[in-house]
C-alpha atoms as a PDB file:
ATOM      1  CA  UNK A   1     196.817  90.434  67.720  1.00  0.00           C
ATOM      2  CA  UNK A   2     193.021  88.987  67.361  1.00  0.00           C
ATOM      3  CA  UNK A   3     190.429  89.659  69.343  1.00  0.00           C
ATOM      4  CA  UNK A   4     187.169  88.021  69.426  1.00  0.00           C
ATOM      5  CA  UNK A   5     183.723  88.760  70.656  1.00  0.00           C
ATOM      6  CA  UNK A   6     180.693  87.003  71.849  1.00  0.00           C
ATOM      7  CA  UNK A   7     177.901  89.428  70.685  1.00  0.00           C
ATOM      8  CA  UNK A   8     179.785  91.451  69.185  1.00  0.00           C
ATOM      9  CA  UNK A   9     179.135  94.472  67.567  1.00  0.00           C
ATOM     10  CA  UNK A  10     179.266  94.311  63.384  1.00  0.00           C
ATOM     11  CA  UNK A  11     178.164  96.325  60.468  1.00  0.00           C
ATOM     12  CA  UNK A  12     175.948  94.486  57.638  1.00  0.00           C
ATOM     13  CA  UNK A  13     178.614  95.683  55.361  1.00  0.00           C
ATOM     14  CA  UNK A  14     181.915  93.981  56.565  1.00  0.00           C
ATOM     15  CA  UNK A  15     179.886  90.337  56.852  1.00  0.00           C
ATOM     16  CA  UNK A  16     178.735  90.905  53.946  1.00  0.00           C
ATOM     17  CA  UNK A  17     182.275  91.304  52.189  1.00  0.00           C
ATOM     18  CA  UNK A  18     183.990  88.573  54.291  1.00  0.00           C
ATOM     19  CA  UNK A  19     180.854  86.247  53.789  1.00  0.00           C
ATOM     20  CA  UNK A  20     181.481  86.659  49.844  1.00  0.00           C
ATOM     21  CA  UNK A  21     185.279  86.071  49.962  1.00  0.00           C
ATOM     22  CA  UNK A  22     184.672  83.333  52.184  1.00  0.00           C
ATOM     23  CA  UNK A  23     181.615  81.182  49.991  1.00  0.00           C
ATOM     24  CA  UNK A  24     183.144  83.018  47.017  1.00  0.00           C
ATOM     25  CA  UNK A  25     179.842  84.211  46.030  1.00  0.00           C
ATOM     26  CA  UNK A  26     178.575  88.044  45.631  1.00  0.00           C
ATOM     27  CA  UNK A  27     178.620  90.572  47.666  1.00  0.00           C
ATOM     28  CA  UNK A  28     175.246  90.871  49.101  1.00  0.00           C
ATOM     29  CA  UNK A  29     173.504  93.280  50.678  1.00  0.00           C
ATOM     30  CA  UNK A  30     172.080  91.340  54.185  1.00  0.00           C
ATOM     31  CA  UNK A  31     170.616  92.251  57.311  1.00  0.00           C
ATOM     32  CA  UNK A  32     173.471  90.328  58.742  1.00  0.00           C
ATOM     33  CA  UNK A  33     172.581  92.174  62.380  1.00  0.00           C
ATOM     34  CA  UNK A  34     168.964  91.817  62.095  1.00  0.00           C
ATOM     35  CA  UNK A  35     168.904  88.052  60.903  1.00  0.00           C
ATOM     36  CA  UNK A  36     171.035  86.967  64.283  1.00  0.00           C
ATOM     37  CA  UNK A  37     169.725  89.717  66.562  1.00  0.00           C
ATOM     38  CA  UNK A  38     166.373  88.572  65.703  1.00  0.00           C
ATOM     39  CA  UNK A  39     166.990  84.936  65.031  1.00  0.00           C
ATOM     40  CA  UNK A  40     170.148  83.085  66.902  1.00  0.00           C
ATOM     41  CA  UNK A  41     171.611  83.100  70.441  1.00  0.00           C
ATOM     42  CA  UNK A  42     174.735  84.568  69.599  1.00  0.00           C
ATOM     43  CA  UNK A  43     177.884  85.253  67.081  1.00  0.00           C
ATOM     44  CA  UNK A  44     181.237  85.838  67.777  1.00  0.00           C
ATOM     45  CA  UNK A  45     183.453  88.418  66.241  1.00  0.00           C
ATOM     46  CA  UNK A  46     186.733  88.298  66.086  1.00  0.00           C
ATOM     47  CA  UNK A  47     188.781  91.488  64.323  1.00  0.00           C
ATOM     48  CA  UNK A  48     192.309  92.175  64.049  1.00  0.00           C
ATOM     49  CA  UNK A  49     193.383  96.024  64.693  1.00  0.00           C
ATOM     50  CA  UNK A  50     189.479  96.463  64.812  1.00  0.00           C
ATOM     51  CA  UNK A  51     189.093  94.886  60.703  1.00  0.00           C
ATOM     52  CA  UNK A  52     186.842  92.579  61.170  1.00  0.00           C
ATOM     53  CA  UNK A  53     188.495  89.330  60.607  1.00  0.00           C
ATOM     54  CA  UNK A  54     186.640  86.440  61.044  1.00  0.00           C
ATOM     55  CA  UNK A  55     183.092  85.336  62.161  1.00  0.00           C
ATOM     56  CA  UNK A  56     180.491  82.366  62.983  1.00  0.00           C
ATOM     57  CA  UNK A  57     176.768  82.754  64.254  1.00  0.00           C
ATOM     58  CA  UNK A  58     175.187  80.845  66.338  1.00  0.00           C
ATOM     59  CA  UNK A  59     171.433  79.846  66.021  1.00  0.00           C
ATOM     60  CA  UNK A  60     169.195  77.413  68.648  1.00  0.00           C
ATOM     61  CA  UNK A  61     165.956  76.671  68.759  1.00  0.00           C
ATOM     62  CA  UNK A  62     166.075  78.429  72.202  1.00  0.00           C
ATOM     63  CA  UNK A  63     166.374  75.515  73.834  1.00  0.00           C
ATOM     64  CA  UNK A  64     169.564  72.927  74.484  1.00  0.00           C
ATOM     65  CA  UNK A  65     170.018  72.163  70.594  1.00  0.00           C
ATOM     66  CA  UNK A  66     172.394  74.830  68.699  1.00  0.00           C
ATOM     67  CA  UNK A  67     173.173  74.775  65.532  1.00  0.00           C
ATOM     68  CA  UNK A  68     176.693  76.445  63.765  1.00  0.00           C
ATOM     69  CA  UNK A  69     176.598  78.985  61.017  1.00  0.00           C
ATOM     70  CA  UNK A  70     178.369  80.702  58.618  1.00  0.00           C
ATOM     71  CA  UNK A  71     181.973  80.210  59.902  1.00  0.00           C
ATOM     72  CA  UNK A  72     184.417  82.478  58.426  1.00  0.00           C
ATOM     73  CA  UNK A  73     187.851  84.034  58.535  1.00  0.00           C
ATOM     74  CA  UNK A  74     189.447  86.615  56.227  1.00  0.00           C
ATOM     75  CA  UNK A  75     191.854  84.854  53.843  1.00  0.00           C
ATOM     76  CA  UNK A  76     194.716  86.567  55.457  1.00  0.00           C
ATOM     77  CA  UNK A  77     194.288  85.451  58.886  1.00  0.00           C
ATOM     78  CA  UNK A  78     193.468  81.296  58.078  1.00  0.00           C
ATOM     79  CA  UNK A  79     195.240  79.027  59.029  1.00  0.00           C
ATOM     80  CA  UNK A  80     197.041  81.074  62.282  1.00  0.00           C
ATOM     81  CA  UNK A  81     193.723  79.097  64.173  1.00  0.00           C
ATOM     82  CA  UNK A  82     190.732  82.377  64.179  1.00  0.00           C
ATOM     83  CA  UNK A  83     188.477  79.362  62.459  1.00  0.00           C
ATOM     84  CA  UNK A  84     189.456  77.043  66.137  1.00  0.00           C
ATOM     85  CA  UNK A  85     189.683  80.223  68.474  1.00  0.00           C
ATOM     86  CA  UNK A  86     185.521  80.950  66.278  1.00  0.00           C
ATOM     87  CA  UNK A  87     184.505  77.861  67.166  1.00  0.00           C
ATOM     88  CA  UNK A  88     185.932  77.392  70.021  1.00  0.00           C
ATOM     89  CA  UNK A  89     183.847  80.492  71.597  1.00  0.00           C
ATOM     90  CA  UNK A  90     180.834  80.108  70.120  1.00  0.00           C
ATOM     91  CA  UNK A  91     180.949  76.517  72.441  1.00  0.00           C
ATOM     92  CA  UNK A  92     181.779  78.245  75.459  1.00  0.00           C
ATOM     93  CA  UNK A  93     178.647  80.640  75.428  1.00  0.00           C
ATOM     94  CA  UNK A  94     176.933  77.922  73.668  1.00  0.00           C
ATOM     95  CA  UNK A  95     177.255  75.078  76.886  1.00  0.00           C
ATOM     96  CA  UNK A  96     176.263  78.484  79.866  1.00  0.00           C
ATOM     97  CA  UNK A  97     173.473  79.577  78.180  1.00  0.00           C
ATOM     98  CA  UNK A  98     172.970  76.008  78.946  1.00  0.00           C
ATOM     99  CA  UNK A  99     172.581  74.092  75.136  1.00  0.00           C
ATOM    100  CA  UNK A 100     173.559  70.524  75.751  1.00  0.00           C
ATOM    101  CA  UNK A 101     174.416  69.927  71.882  1.00  0.00           C
ATOM    102  CA  UNK A 102     176.203  71.562  69.494  1.00  0.00           C
ATOM    103  CA  UNK A 103     175.904  71.009  65.446  1.00  0.00           C
ATOM    104  CA  UNK A 104     177.220  71.779  62.141  1.00  0.00           C
ATOM    105  CA  UNK A 105     177.277  70.583  59.222  1.00  0.00           C
ATOM    106  CA  UNK A 106     180.461  71.159  56.398  1.00  0.00           C
ATOM    107  CA  UNK A 107     181.459  70.632  53.303  1.00  0.00           C
ATOM    108  CA  UNK A 108     184.255  67.399  53.071  1.00  0.00           C
ATOM    109  CA  UNK A 109     186.897  69.619  53.061  1.00  0.00           C
ATOM    110  CA  UNK A 110     186.371  70.511  56.180  1.00  0.00           C
ATOM    111  CA  UNK A 111     185.862  67.626  57.876  1.00  0.00           C
ATOM    112  CA  UNK A 112     188.942  67.676  59.614  1.00  0.00           C
ATOM    113  CA  UNK A 113     188.936  71.461  60.516  1.00  0.00           C
ATOM    114  CA  UNK A 114     185.788  70.696  62.402  1.00  0.00           C
ATOM    115  CA  UNK A 115     186.964  67.720  64.006  1.00  0.00           C
ATOM    116  CA  UNK A 116     190.357  67.785  64.688  1.00  0.00           C
ATOM    117  CA  UNK A 117     190.726  70.937  65.104  1.00  0.00           C
ATOM    118  CA  UNK A 118     188.310  72.032  67.040  1.00  0.00           C
ATOM    119  CA  UNK A 119     186.790  68.798  68.755  1.00  0.00           C
ATOM    120  CA  UNK A 120     183.212  67.960  66.887  1.00  0.00           C
ATOM    121  CA  UNK A 121     182.411  64.122  66.615  1.00  0.00           C
ATOM    122  CA  UNK A 122     180.769  62.302  62.582  1.00  0.00           C
ATOM    123  CA  UNK A 123     176.978  61.866  63.555  1.00  0.00           C
ATOM    124  CA  UNK A 124     174.793  60.427  61.065  1.00  0.00           C
ATOM    125  CA  UNK A 125     172.672  63.824  59.260  1.00  0.00           C
ATOM    126  CA  UNK A 126     169.967  64.228  56.968  1.00  0.00           C
ATOM    127  CA  UNK A 127     169.771  66.970  54.017  1.00  0.00           C
ATOM    128  CA  UNK A 128     167.101  68.238  52.102  1.00  0.00           C
ATOM    129  CA  UNK A 129     168.065  70.532  49.217  1.00  0.00           C
ATOM    130  CA  UNK A 130     165.487  72.910  48.925  1.00  0.00           C
ATOM    131  CA  UNK A 131     166.870  75.589  45.864  1.00  0.00           C
END
């Protein structure tokens, strides 16, 4: 059974490990706890038998716009609805906080997940690569 917790406790090492697995990068030593507690509306942790198997960060503008960042599901739980439930939980809490819009950007291979599974709709958007 997988549990989902809004603003759940986590340690930096477990999110860094999940992030490296999910995005295929090197294992970093980022201060996730400091980042989300200092800058985010909230986040959702998914746990299976105590192990962090999913995570999503919900940043915001302090008003009516929230932004989904770093949606992650461990490979061993992918295709089991974990990502969809992470987004559903984030959506519920962003709405409860008074947000009117939830934004996401993503790579093309995730289009079906965000549009079909999570209910986002396509909109025009822009992006400038800074690094």
